[in-house]
Amino acid sequence: MLIIHARELSVMSQHEQMNLNLNLEEPGRAADTEVSSGDVVLYELPAFEAVGLKWEGTFAGAKAGEIRDLQEELKSRLSEIPKLTQPDTLLGLSSHVLKEGFLHYAAVEVPEEAAVPGDMVRIRVPALTCAKFEHKKGQSIGLSYSHVYAWIEKQGYQAAGGEFTHIELYPMNQDTHDPNPEFTILIPIS
């Protein structure tokens, strides 16, 4: 069993990495010129534990659907996890921006010290202050992230350099392969 703890990393900032890797023109949709709804707000995320599956790969692999496949696998195996604290929410926990990729965990929140199925991992997420944005179905994901990072900078904050570079909260009943999903974006800040 792997246990993940938050720690400081000296890596390229998430915003710099996303600028290099996000394609703001997404296939199958008209290009947006701005994010159309919702405001970025400060959000205090309480500490929690999660259990899930680990993925390590490239931005190209993520764009090709590897993370969505991981999410689908986790959803098909939820019965293996004894108790879920937030059964309606699928977590996407991204970490360690590397030169060519990152680590990602498809996970669900569980009670403290819950049992972990054999090939899954326990993830401990510390309490975090985050910039929070509700990304709506059909909006440009790249523009939504750019909007959040611009807000962070404008408010005088910076993306925190801790373990988790961004957290996404998906409705559990949403199709994981929907090309235009809705989800909540949480960017830890300092």
Protein backbone atom coordinates (compact mmCIF):
# COMPACT_ATOMS: atom_id res chain seq x y z
CA MET A 1 0.00 0.00 0.00
CA LEU A 2 1.31 3.44 -0.97
CA ILE A 3 0.56 6.42 1.30
CA ILE A 4 0.91 9.89 -0.19
CA HIS A 5 1.67 12.87 2.11
CA ALA A 6 1.81 16.53 1.09
CA ARG A 7 5.31 17.97 0.76
CA GLU A 8 7.01 20.85 -1.01
CA LEU A 9 8.44 20.25 -4.49
CA SER A 10 10.64 22.44 -6.64
CA VAL A 11 9.01 22.04 -10.02
CA MET A 12 7.75 24.24 -12.81
CA SER A 13 4.59 26.01 -11.67
CA GLN A 14 1.32 24.40 -12.67
CA HIS A 15 0.34 27.56 -14.56
CA GLU A 16 3.58 27.51 -16.59
CA GLN A 17 3.12 23.81 -17.36
CA MET A 18 -0.51 24.23 -18.36
CA ASN A 19 0.37 27.12 -20.67
CA LEU A 20 2.78 24.76 -22.43
CA ASN A 21 0.42 21.80 -22.63
CA LEU A 22 -3.21 22.95 -22.80
CA ASN A 23 -4.73 23.22 -26.21
CA LEU A 24 -7.30 25.98 -25.83
CA GLU A 25 -8.96 24.98 -29.09
CA GLU A 26 -10.80 21.79 -28.16
CA PRO A 27 -12.07 19.52 -30.94
CA GLY A 28 -15.77 19.49 -31.68
CA ARG A 29 -16.62 22.86 -30.16
CA ALA A 30 -16.48 26.52 -31.06
CA ALA A 31 -13.61 28.50 -29.57
CA ASP A 32 -14.66 30.56 -26.54
CA THR A 33 -13.24 34.01 -26.03
CA GLU A 34 -14.05 34.11 -22.32
CA VAL A 35 -15.37 31.97 -19.51
CA SER A 36 -19.09 32.59 -19.55
CA SER A 37 -20.37 31.90 -16.05
CA GLY A 38 -19.37 31.56 -12.44
CA ASP A 39 -16.90 33.37 -10.29
CA VAL A 40 -13.71 32.14 -8.71
CA VAL A 41 -14.01 32.08 -4.91
CA LEU A 42 -11.74 31.26 -2.00
CA TYR A 43 -12.52 27.85 -0.56
CA GLU A 44 -11.20 26.13 2.57
CA LEU A 45 -10.86 22.45 1.71
CA PRO A 46 -10.77 20.36 4.91
CA ALA A 47 -8.22 17.56 5.23
CA PHE A 48 -9.47 14.15 4.12
CA GLU A 49 -8.37 10.68 3.10
CA ALA A 50 -9.10 9.08 -0.22
CA VAL A 51 -8.59 5.71 -1.86
CA GLY A 52 -8.06 5.26 -5.55
CA LEU A 53 -5.94 4.33 -8.53
CA LYS A 54 -2.65 5.97 -9.50
CA TRP A 55 -1.68 7.06 -13.01
CA GLU A 56 1.62 8.53 -14.12
CA GLY A 57 1.96 9.74 -17.65
CA THR A 58 2.31 12.50 -20.17
CA PHE A 59 0.00 15.35 -21.07
CA ALA A 60 -0.44 13.65 -24.47
CA GLY A 61 -1.57 10.46 -22.70
CA ALA A 62 -4.01 12.42 -20.58
CA LYS A 63 -5.38 14.16 -23.67
CA ALA A 64 -5.75 10.75 -25.36
CA GLY A 65 -8.10 9.62 -22.57
CA GLU A 66 -5.85 7.62 -20.25
CA ILE A 67 -7.13 9.44 -17.15
CA ARG A 68 -10.75 8.99 -18.25
CA ASP A 69 -10.05 5.26 -18.62
CA LEU A 70 -8.61 5.25 -15.08
CA GLN A 71 -11.72 7.03 -13.77
CA GLU A 72 -13.94 4.48 -15.51
CA GLU A 73 -11.96 1.61 -13.97
CA LEU A 74 -12.29 3.10 -10.49
CA LYS A 75 -16.05 3.61 -10.93
CA SER A 76 -16.41 -0.04 -11.98
CA ARG A 77 -14.58 -1.11 -8.81
CA LEU A 78 -16.31 1.07 -6.20
CA SER A 79 -17.86 -2.02 -4.59
CA GLU A 80 -14.34 -3.06 -3.50
CA ILE A 81 -14.01 0.04 -1.29
CA PRO A 82 -15.83 -0.66 2.00
CA LYS A 83 -17.24 2.81 2.75
CA LEU A 84 -17.35 6.07 0.81
CA THR A 85 -17.67 9.40 2.63
CA GLN A 86 -18.82 11.29 -0.49
CA PRO A 87 -20.33 8.61 -2.79
CA ASP A 88 -21.60 11.17 -5.34
CA THR A 89 -18.14 12.65 -6.02
CA LEU A 90 -15.26 11.28 -8.08
CA LEU A 91 -11.97 12.98 -7.24
CA GLY A 92 -9.19 13.83 -9.67
CA LEU A 93 -6.04 14.61 -7.67
CA SER A 94 -3.11 15.84 -9.76
CA SER A 95 0.36 16.07 -8.40
CA HIS A 96 4.04 16.56 -9.19
CA VAL A 97 4.08 18.43 -12.45
CA LEU A 98 7.04 16.97 -14.27
CA LYS A 99 8.72 18.20 -17.43
CA GLU A 100 6.67 15.91 -19.67
CA GLY A 101 3.78 14.86 -17.46
CA PHE A 102 2.34 14.38 -14.02
CA LEU A 103 0.86 11.99 -11.46
CA HIS A 104 -2.89 11.72 -11.16
CA TYR A 105 -5.13 9.82 -8.79
CA ALA A 106 -8.71 8.87 -9.61
CA ALA A 107 -10.10 8.54 -6.10
CA VAL A 108 -13.02 8.67 -3.70
CA GLU A 109 -13.14 10.13 -0.20
CA VAL A 110 -13.20 7.53 2.58
CA PRO A 111 -13.29 7.59 6.39
CA GLU A 112 -9.91 7.87 8.10
CA GLU A 113 -7.94 4.61 8.03
CA ALA A 114 -10.47 2.86 5.77
CA ALA A 115 -9.32 -0.42 4.24
CA VAL A 116 -7.50 -0.14 0.92
CA PRO A 117 -8.00 -2.81 -1.77
CA GLY A 118 -4.72 -4.47 -2.84
CA ASP A 119 -3.71 -2.49 -5.94
CA MET A 120 -5.24 0.82 -4.87
CA VAL A 121 -3.53 3.58 -2.88
CA ARG A 122 -4.43 5.70 0.13
CA ILE A 123 -4.04 9.44 -0.42
CA ARG A 124 -3.96 11.89 2.48
CA VAL A 125 -4.96 15.37 1.41
CA PRO A 126 -4.14 18.13 3.93
CA ALA A 127 -6.41 21.09 4.64
CA LEU A 128 -5.87 23.54 1.80
CA THR A 129 -6.91 27.05 0.86
CA CYS A 130 -8.01 26.89 -2.76
CA ALA A 131 -9.27 28.99 -5.60
CA LYS A 132 -12.54 27.29 -6.58
CA PHE A 133 -14.33 27.48 -9.92
CA GLU A 134 -17.40 25.63 -11.19
CA HIS A 135 -16.56 24.58 -14.76
CA LYS A 136 -19.82 24.15 -16.67
CA LYS A 137 -20.55 21.57 -19.34
CA GLY A 138 -19.53 22.89 -22.74
CA GLN A 139 -17.06 25.52 -21.51
CA SER A 140 -13.47 25.38 -22.67
CA ILE A 141 -11.46 23.52 -20.02
CA GLY A 142 -8.29 25.38 -21.01
CA LEU A 143 -9.98 28.75 -20.69
CA SER A 144 -11.52 27.80 -17.35
CA TYR A 145 -8.09 26.93 -15.95
CA SER A 146 -6.57 30.10 -17.43
CA HIS A 147 -9.39 32.10 -15.82
CA VAL A 148 -8.64 30.58 -12.40
CA TYR A 149 -4.89 31.19 -12.67
CA ALA A 150 -5.46 34.79 -13.82
CA TRP A 151 -7.75 35.33 -10.80
CA ILE A 152 -5.11 33.87 -8.45
CA GLU A 153 -2.50 36.26 -9.82
CA LYS A 154 -4.84 39.28 -9.80
CA GLN A 155 -5.73 38.65 -6.14
CA GLY A 156 -2.03 38.57 -5.18
CA TYR A 157 -1.93 34.85 -4.46
CA GLN A 158 0.18 32.17 -6.08
CA ALA A 159 -0.42 28.52 -6.79
CA ALA A 160 0.90 26.61 -3.78
CA GLY A 161 3.96 24.47 -4.34
CA GLY A 162 2.68 21.48 -2.36
CA GLU A 163 1.82 17.92 -3.23
CA PHE A 164 -1.42 18.61 -5.10
CA THR A 165 -1.28 21.09 -7.95
CA HIS A 166 -4.99 20.87 -8.71
CA ILE A 167 -8.02 18.91 -7.62
CA GLU A 168 -11.09 18.21 -9.71
CA LEU A 169 -14.46 17.12 -8.31
CA TYR A 170 -16.68 15.27 -10.80
CA PRO A 171 -20.28 14.14 -10.38
CA MET A 172 -20.04 10.35 -9.96
CA ASN A 173 -22.97 9.76 -12.33
CA GLN A 174 -21.36 11.75 -15.18
CA ASP A 175 -20.04 9.84 -18.20
CA THR A 176 -16.25 9.76 -17.70
CA HIS A 177 -15.72 9.92 -21.47
CA ASP A 178 -17.91 12.99 -21.99
CA PRO A 179 -15.69 15.35 -24.03
CA ASN A 180 -17.32 18.39 -22.37
CA PRO A 181 -17.70 17.44 -18.69
CA GLU A 182 -18.77 19.61 -15.82
CA PHE A 183 -16.64 19.62 -12.69
CA THR A 184 -15.29 21.78 -9.88
CA ILE A 185 -11.73 23.06 -10.18
CA LEU A 186 -9.75 23.56 -6.96
CA ILE A 187 -6.27 25.12 -7.17
CA PRO A 188 -4.36 25.19 -3.84
CA ILE A 189 -2.98 28.69 -3.24
CA SER A 190 -0.68 30.50 -0.84
